[in-house]
Amino acid sequence: MQPASDGQAVQTDDVVDFEAIRGRLFGIAYRMLGTVGDAEDIVQDAWLRWQRTDRRSVRNPAAFLTTTTTRLAINAVTAARARRETYVGQWLPEPVDTAADPALGAERAEGLEFGVLLLLEKLAPAERAAYVLREAFDYAHRQVAEVLGTTEANARQLLSRARRHLASARSAPVGRAEHRRLVEAFVAAARGGDLAALERLLADDVVASSDGGGRVHASRKDLHGAARVTTLLDNVLRKYWRDSVIRLVPANGAESLLVAAADGTPEALLALQATERGIERLFIVVNPDKLQQFAGPA
């Protein structure tokens, strides 16, 4: 029997090389685009380009695939923003299940939180890419420059602008343990219908954002203030989630609340952004198209 041909061996190596870095590629694309489907499309496109590439010209497969994925994502940002201009109501990132990989393929979970993803939306695509590569994946400035096809000095400037923007619009978050305590207290108050306890967990100037995507009813504008947000929670708990199951799930690198029907159908995912002042932002995703990852037994 003839041994496997060199072509077959190379093809197998190509798959191994790609699979070894697939998680990182998805993590980059998701942070750039904020939706699972778009990120998966980018990774698939990177795979097709990898298939068409002469491997003899590639010294470092991981670097090649990272560069390909990042540049594809940069190009896709403009089209994604155009689609969101016609989105019904407010657009929020699609929650991603991080049960198996809390950092989603990265060195750190940076860039996964809802609030940060929304801030990244306001950056130029190259600034966003520089921030993601440096802060989440710990790429050196030289490596960031190579991926972006620019000078190291310019890569540093892109990163500096991104950091300044996020720092000016972002309060210091609480630690993981305190975040979990607040989430657990929120769940307990919601399950018990204790509105006074819910309101005590909220910062006075808390903001609630809801995403129904035109599929289900949701507020199309942000709600501001503890009183208005508590009223919103009271309404949905009584009218829509009275018989639902509320449990903690790991989403976007942090504990979040999943509201599901008795059969496990997800109805909403709530992500909380907390500082030492309490819960400052509440992100409520009720668009069923964005909850499919969390479908299953309650």
Protein backbone atom coordinates (compact mmCIF):
# COMPACT_ATOMS: atom_id res chain seq x y z
CA MET A 1 0.00 0.00 0.00
CA GLN A 2 1.28 3.44 -0.94
CA PRO A 3 1.81 5.90 1.95
CA ALA A 4 -0.19 9.09 1.98
CA SER A 5 0.99 11.49 -0.68
CA ASP A 6 2.86 14.66 0.23
CA GLY A 7 -0.18 16.63 -0.91
CA GLN A 8 -2.43 14.74 1.49
CA ALA A 9 0.03 15.26 4.36
CA VAL A 10 0.26 18.97 3.65
CA GLN A 11 -3.52 19.22 3.49
CA THR A 12 -3.82 17.54 6.88
CA ASP A 13 -1.23 19.93 8.32
CA ASP A 14 -3.20 22.84 6.90
CA VAL A 15 -6.31 21.75 8.82
CA VAL A 16 -4.30 21.26 12.01
CA ASP A 17 -2.72 24.71 11.69
CA PHE A 18 -6.10 26.33 11.15
CA GLU A 19 -7.91 24.50 13.93
CA ALA A 20 -5.12 25.37 16.37
CA ILE A 21 -5.90 29.07 15.97
CA ARG A 22 -9.62 29.02 15.12
CA GLY A 23 -10.63 30.18 18.62
CA ARG A 24 -8.36 33.21 18.38
CA LEU A 25 -9.65 34.07 14.91
CA PHE A 26 -13.25 33.94 16.08
CA GLY A 27 -12.36 36.02 19.14
CA ILE A 28 -10.83 38.74 16.99
CA ALA A 29 -13.72 38.79 14.51
CA TYR A 30 -16.37 38.82 17.24
CA ARG A 31 -14.77 41.75 19.06
CA MET A 32 -14.56 43.63 15.76
CA LEU A 33 -18.16 42.99 14.66
CA GLY A 34 -20.19 42.16 17.76
CA THR A 35 -22.24 39.34 16.24
CA VAL A 36 -21.63 35.62 16.17
CA GLY A 37 -22.84 35.10 12.60
CA ASP A 38 -20.64 37.84 11.16
CA ALA A 39 -17.64 36.52 13.10
CA GLU A 40 -18.23 32.99 11.83
CA ASP A 41 -18.48 34.30 8.27
CA ILE A 42 -15.13 36.04 8.64
CA VAL A 43 -13.49 32.89 10.00
CA GLN A 44 -14.96 30.86 7.13
CA ASP A 45 -13.66 33.38 4.62
CA ALA A 46 -10.21 33.20 6.24
CA TRP A 47 -10.32 29.41 5.91
CA LEU A 48 -11.15 29.65 2.19
CA ARG A 49 -8.26 32.06 1.65
CA TRP A 50 -5.98 29.75 3.59
CA GLN A 51 -7.02 26.92 1.27
CA ARG A 52 -6.08 28.97 -1.78
CA THR A 53 -2.72 30.12 -0.40
CA ASP A 54 0.61 28.63 -1.47
CA ARG A 55 1.84 27.32 1.90
CA ARG A 56 5.44 27.43 0.75
CA SER A 57 5.23 31.23 1.00
CA VAL A 58 3.91 31.14 4.58
CA ARG A 59 6.50 30.91 7.33
CA ASN A 60 4.13 31.49 10.24
CA PRO A 61 0.60 30.14 9.70
CA ALA A 62 -0.74 31.74 12.89
CA ALA A 63 0.50 35.19 11.87
CA PHE A 64 -0.86 34.77 8.36
CA LEU A 65 -4.31 33.71 9.59
CA THR A 66 -4.46 36.43 12.23
CA THR A 67 -3.58 39.08 9.67
CA THR A 68 -6.10 37.72 7.16
CA THR A 69 -8.90 37.58 9.71
CA THR A 70 -8.21 41.05 11.12
CA ARG A 71 -8.13 42.68 7.70
CA LEU A 72 -11.32 40.90 6.64
CA ALA A 73 -12.98 42.11 9.83
CA ILE A 74 -11.79 45.68 9.25
CA ASN A 75 -13.32 45.61 5.79
CA ALA A 76 -16.57 44.16 7.18
CA VAL A 77 -17.03 46.87 9.83
CA THR A 78 -18.31 49.46 7.35
CA ALA A 79 -20.96 47.12 5.93
CA ALA A 80 -22.02 46.08 9.43
CA ARG A 81 -22.46 49.71 10.48
CA ALA A 82 -24.56 50.39 7.38
CA ARG A 83 -26.88 47.50 8.27
CA ARG A 84 -27.27 48.79 11.80
CA GLU A 85 -28.49 52.14 10.53
CA THR A 86 -31.69 50.36 9.41
CA TYR A 87 -31.91 48.11 12.47
CA VAL A 88 -35.28 48.33 14.22
CA GLY A 89 -34.78 49.94 17.62
CA GLN A 90 -31.51 49.86 19.50
CA TRP A 91 -28.73 47.54 18.41
CA LEU A 92 -26.81 45.64 21.08
CA PRO A 93 -24.03 43.10 20.56
CA GLU A 94 -25.11 39.50 20.24
CA PRO A 95 -24.35 37.71 23.52
CA VAL A 96 -21.76 34.97 23.21
CA ASP A 97 -21.57 31.93 25.47
CA THR A 98 -18.17 31.92 27.20
CA ALA A 99 -18.74 28.84 29.34
CA ALA A 100 -15.85 26.92 27.79
CA ASP A 101 -13.60 29.89 27.08
CA PRO A 102 -14.18 32.92 29.36
CA ALA A 103 -11.68 35.02 27.37
CA LEU A 104 -12.94 33.69 24.01
CA GLY A 105 -9.64 32.73 22.49
CA ALA A 106 -7.67 35.63 23.94
CA GLU A 107 -5.12 36.24 26.65
CA ARG A 108 -7.73 38.30 28.52
CA ALA A 109 -11.48 38.84 28.35
CA GLU A 110 -10.92 42.51 27.43
CA GLY A 111 -13.18 43.71 24.65
CA LEU A 112 -15.97 41.19 25.35
CA GLU A 113 -18.10 43.21 27.77
CA PHE A 114 -21.22 44.77 26.29
CA GLY A 115 -20.28 48.29 27.31
CA VAL A 116 -16.81 48.02 25.80
CA LEU A 117 -18.13 46.49 22.57
CA LEU A 118 -20.48 49.45 22.19
CA LEU A 119 -17.65 51.90 22.81
CA LEU A 120 -15.50 50.07 20.25
CA GLU A 121 -18.31 50.59 17.73
CA LYS A 122 -17.51 54.30 17.78
CA LEU A 123 -13.85 53.84 16.87
CA ALA A 124 -12.35 53.83 13.41
CA PRO A 125 -11.90 50.20 12.26
CA ALA A 126 -8.09 50.34 12.47
CA GLU A 127 -8.26 51.80 15.99
CA ARG A 128 -10.63 49.06 17.01
CA ALA A 129 -8.33 46.39 15.58
CA ALA A 130 -5.28 47.85 17.30
CA TYR A 131 -7.09 47.88 20.63
CA VAL A 132 -8.37 44.31 20.27
CA LEU A 133 -5.00 42.88 19.25
CA ARG A 134 -3.08 44.68 21.98
CA GLU A 135 -5.48 44.64 24.93
CA ALA A 136 -7.19 41.27 24.45
CA PHE A 137 -4.52 39.23 22.67
CA ASP A 138 -1.40 40.92 24.05
CA TYR A 139 0.22 41.45 20.65
CA ALA A 140 3.37 43.54 20.71
CA HIS A 141 3.21 46.94 18.99
CA ARG A 142 5.43 45.58 16.22
CA GLN A 143 3.04 42.68 15.64
CA VAL A 144 0.02 45.00 15.61
CA ALA A 145 1.76 47.14 13.00
CA GLU A 146 2.49 44.09 10.84
CA VAL A 147 -1.11 42.89 11.01
CA LEU A 148 -2.46 46.34 10.12
CA GLY A 149 0.15 46.93 7.43
CA THR A 150 1.41 50.16 8.99
CA THR A 151 4.38 51.49 10.92
CA GLU A 152 4.93 50.74 14.57
CA ALA A 153 4.64 54.44 15.38
CA ASN A 154 1.27 54.64 13.68
CA ALA A 155 0.09 51.46 15.43
CA ARG A 156 0.96 53.08 18.76
CA GLN A 157 -1.03 56.18 17.81
CA LEU A 158 -4.06 54.08 16.84
CA LEU A 159 -3.92 52.28 20.17
CA SER A 160 -3.44 55.52 22.11
CA ARG A 161 -6.51 57.10 20.51
CA ALA A 162 -8.59 53.99 21.23
CA ARG A 163 -7.50 53.90 24.86
CA ARG A 164 -8.26 57.59 25.35
CA HIS A 165 -11.73 57.20 23.93
CA LEU A 166 -12.56 54.23 26.14
CA ALA A 167 -11.05 55.83 29.24
CA SER A 168 -13.10 58.99 28.79
CA ALA A 169 -16.37 57.09 28.46
CA ARG A 170 -15.86 54.17 30.81
CA SER A 171 -15.99 54.00 34.60
CA ALA A 172 -13.76 51.56 36.45
CA PRO A 173 -15.63 48.25 36.77
CA VAL A 174 -15.87 46.29 40.00
CA GLY A 175 -13.90 43.09 40.45
CA ARG A 176 -15.21 39.70 39.38
CA ALA A 177 -16.31 38.69 42.91
CA GLU A 178 -18.27 41.92 43.49
CA HIS A 179 -19.82 41.68 40.03
CA ARG A 180 -21.04 38.18 40.77
CA ARG A 181 -22.43 39.33 44.14
CA LEU A 182 -24.41 42.09 42.44
CA VAL A 183 -25.70 39.73 39.77
CA GLU A 184 -26.78 37.16 42.37
CA ALA A 185 -28.50 39.86 44.41
CA PHE A 186 -30.24 41.08 41.26
CA VAL A 187 -31.48 37.55 40.49
CA ALA A 188 -32.74 37.05 44.04
CA ALA A 189 -34.62 40.36 43.98
CA ALA A 190 -36.08 39.67 40.53
CA ARG A 191 -37.23 36.17 41.47
CA GLY A 192 -38.84 37.50 44.63
CA GLY A 193 -40.36 40.52 42.94
CA ASP A 194 -38.61 42.74 45.48
CA LEU A 195 -38.57 46.07 43.64
CA ALA A 196 -37.09 47.99 46.55
CA ALA A 197 -34.13 45.61 46.63
CA LEU A 198 -33.71 45.91 42.86
CA GLU A 199 -33.68 49.69 43.03
CA ARG A 200 -31.06 49.67 45.80
CA LEU A 201 -28.70 47.78 43.49
CA LEU A 202 -28.94 50.45 40.79
CA ALA A 203 -26.87 53.61 40.50
CA ASP A 204 -29.03 56.74 40.57
CA ASP A 205 -28.18 57.47 36.94
CA VAL A 206 -28.42 53.88 35.69
CA VAL A 207 -29.17 53.44 31.98
CA ALA A 208 -31.13 50.49 30.53
CA SER A 209 -30.82 49.59 26.85
CA SER A 210 -33.06 47.01 25.17
CA ASP A 211 -32.67 45.19 21.84
CA GLY A 212 -35.72 43.53 20.31
CA GLY A 213 -34.63 43.91 16.70
CA GLY A 214 -38.25 44.43 15.65
CA ARG A 215 -38.91 40.80 16.49
CA VAL A 216 -40.38 41.36 19.94
CA HIS A 217 -41.50 44.41 21.87
CA ALA A 218 -38.67 46.40 23.42
CA SER A 219 -38.02 50.01 24.29
CA ARG A 220 -36.43 51.79 21.33
CA LYS A 221 -34.74 54.39 23.53
CA ASP A 222 -32.50 54.21 26.55
CA LEU A 223 -34.24 54.56 29.91
CA HIS A 224 -32.42 56.75 32.45
CA GLY A 225 -32.61 56.76 36.23
CA ALA A 226 -33.20 54.18 38.92
CA ALA A 227 -36.94 54.87 39.19
CA ARG A 228 -37.65 54.44 35.48
CA VAL A 229 -35.46 51.35 35.16
CA THR A 230 -37.12 49.77 38.19
CA THR A 231 -40.53 50.46 36.65
CA LEU A 232 -39.37 48.77 33.44
CA LEU A 233 -38.20 45.72 35.37
CA ASP A 234 -41.47 45.60 37.29
CA ASN A 235 -43.44 45.63 34.04
CA VAL A 236 -41.50 42.88 32.31
CA LEU A 237 -41.32 40.69 35.43
CA ARG A 238 -45.10 40.87 35.90
CA LYS A 239 -46.26 40.82 32.28
CA TYR A 240 -43.71 38.72 30.43
CA TRP A 241 -41.44 36.81 32.82
CA ARG A 242 -43.85 35.87 35.59
CA ASP A 243 -43.57 32.12 34.84
CA SER A 244 -40.03 32.22 33.47
CA VAL A 245 -36.89 30.70 34.91
CA ILE A 246 -34.07 33.14 35.71
CA ARG A 247 -30.57 31.74 36.07
CA LEU A 248 -26.94 32.78 35.84
CA VAL A 249 -24.98 32.05 32.67
CA PRO A 250 -21.45 32.98 31.59
CA ALA A 251 -21.84 35.43 28.70
CA ASN A 252 -19.18 37.72 27.27
CA GLY A 253 -16.73 36.76 29.97
CA ALA A 254 -18.96 37.62 32.93
CA GLU A 255 -21.96 36.30 34.82
CA SER A 256 -25.21 37.39 33.18
CA LEU A 257 -28.89 36.60 33.66
CA LEU A 258 -30.73 34.31 31.28
CA VAL A 259 -34.52 34.44 31.31
CA ALA A 260 -36.03 31.31 29.77
CA ALA A 261 -39.42 29.66 29.37
CA ALA A 262 -40.12 26.38 31.15
CA ASP A 263 -39.08 24.43 28.03
CA GLY A 264 -35.69 26.18 27.93
CA THR A 265 -36.51 28.65 25.16
CA PRO A 266 -34.47 31.80 25.92
CA GLU A 267 -36.56 34.93 26.29
CA ALA A 268 -33.95 37.47 27.34
CA LEU A 269 -30.37 37.89 28.40
CA LEU A 270 -29.47 40.67 30.83
CA ALA A 271 -25.89 41.85 31.12
CA LEU A 272 -24.95 44.19 33.94
CA GLN A 273 -22.20 46.79 33.98
CA ALA A 274 -21.28 47.63 37.55
CA THR A 275 -18.96 50.06 39.30
CA GLU A 276 -18.49 50.92 42.96
CA ARG A 277 -21.67 53.03 42.68
CA GLY A 278 -23.75 49.97 41.76
CA ILE A 279 -25.23 48.81 38.46
CA GLU A 280 -24.67 51.65 35.98
CA ARG A 281 -25.77 49.95 32.76
CA LEU A 282 -28.30 47.25 32.08
CA PHE A 283 -28.28 45.62 28.65
CA ILE A 284 -31.41 43.63 27.82
CA VAL A 285 -31.29 41.46 24.70
CA VAL A 286 -34.70 40.04 23.76
CA ASN A 287 -34.19 39.62 20.01
CA PRO A 288 -34.64 35.82 19.64
CA ASP A 289 -32.17 35.74 16.76
CA LYS A 290 -29.43 36.76 19.22
CA LEU A 291 -30.28 34.22 21.91
CA GLN A 292 -29.92 30.95 20.02
CA GLN A 293 -26.62 30.03 21.70
CA PHE A 294 -28.42 29.84 25.01
CA ALA A 295 -31.29 27.58 23.94
CA GLY A 296 -31.62 24.37 25.91
CA PRO A 297 -33.10 22.82 29.06
CA ALA A 298 -33.73 25.36 31.80
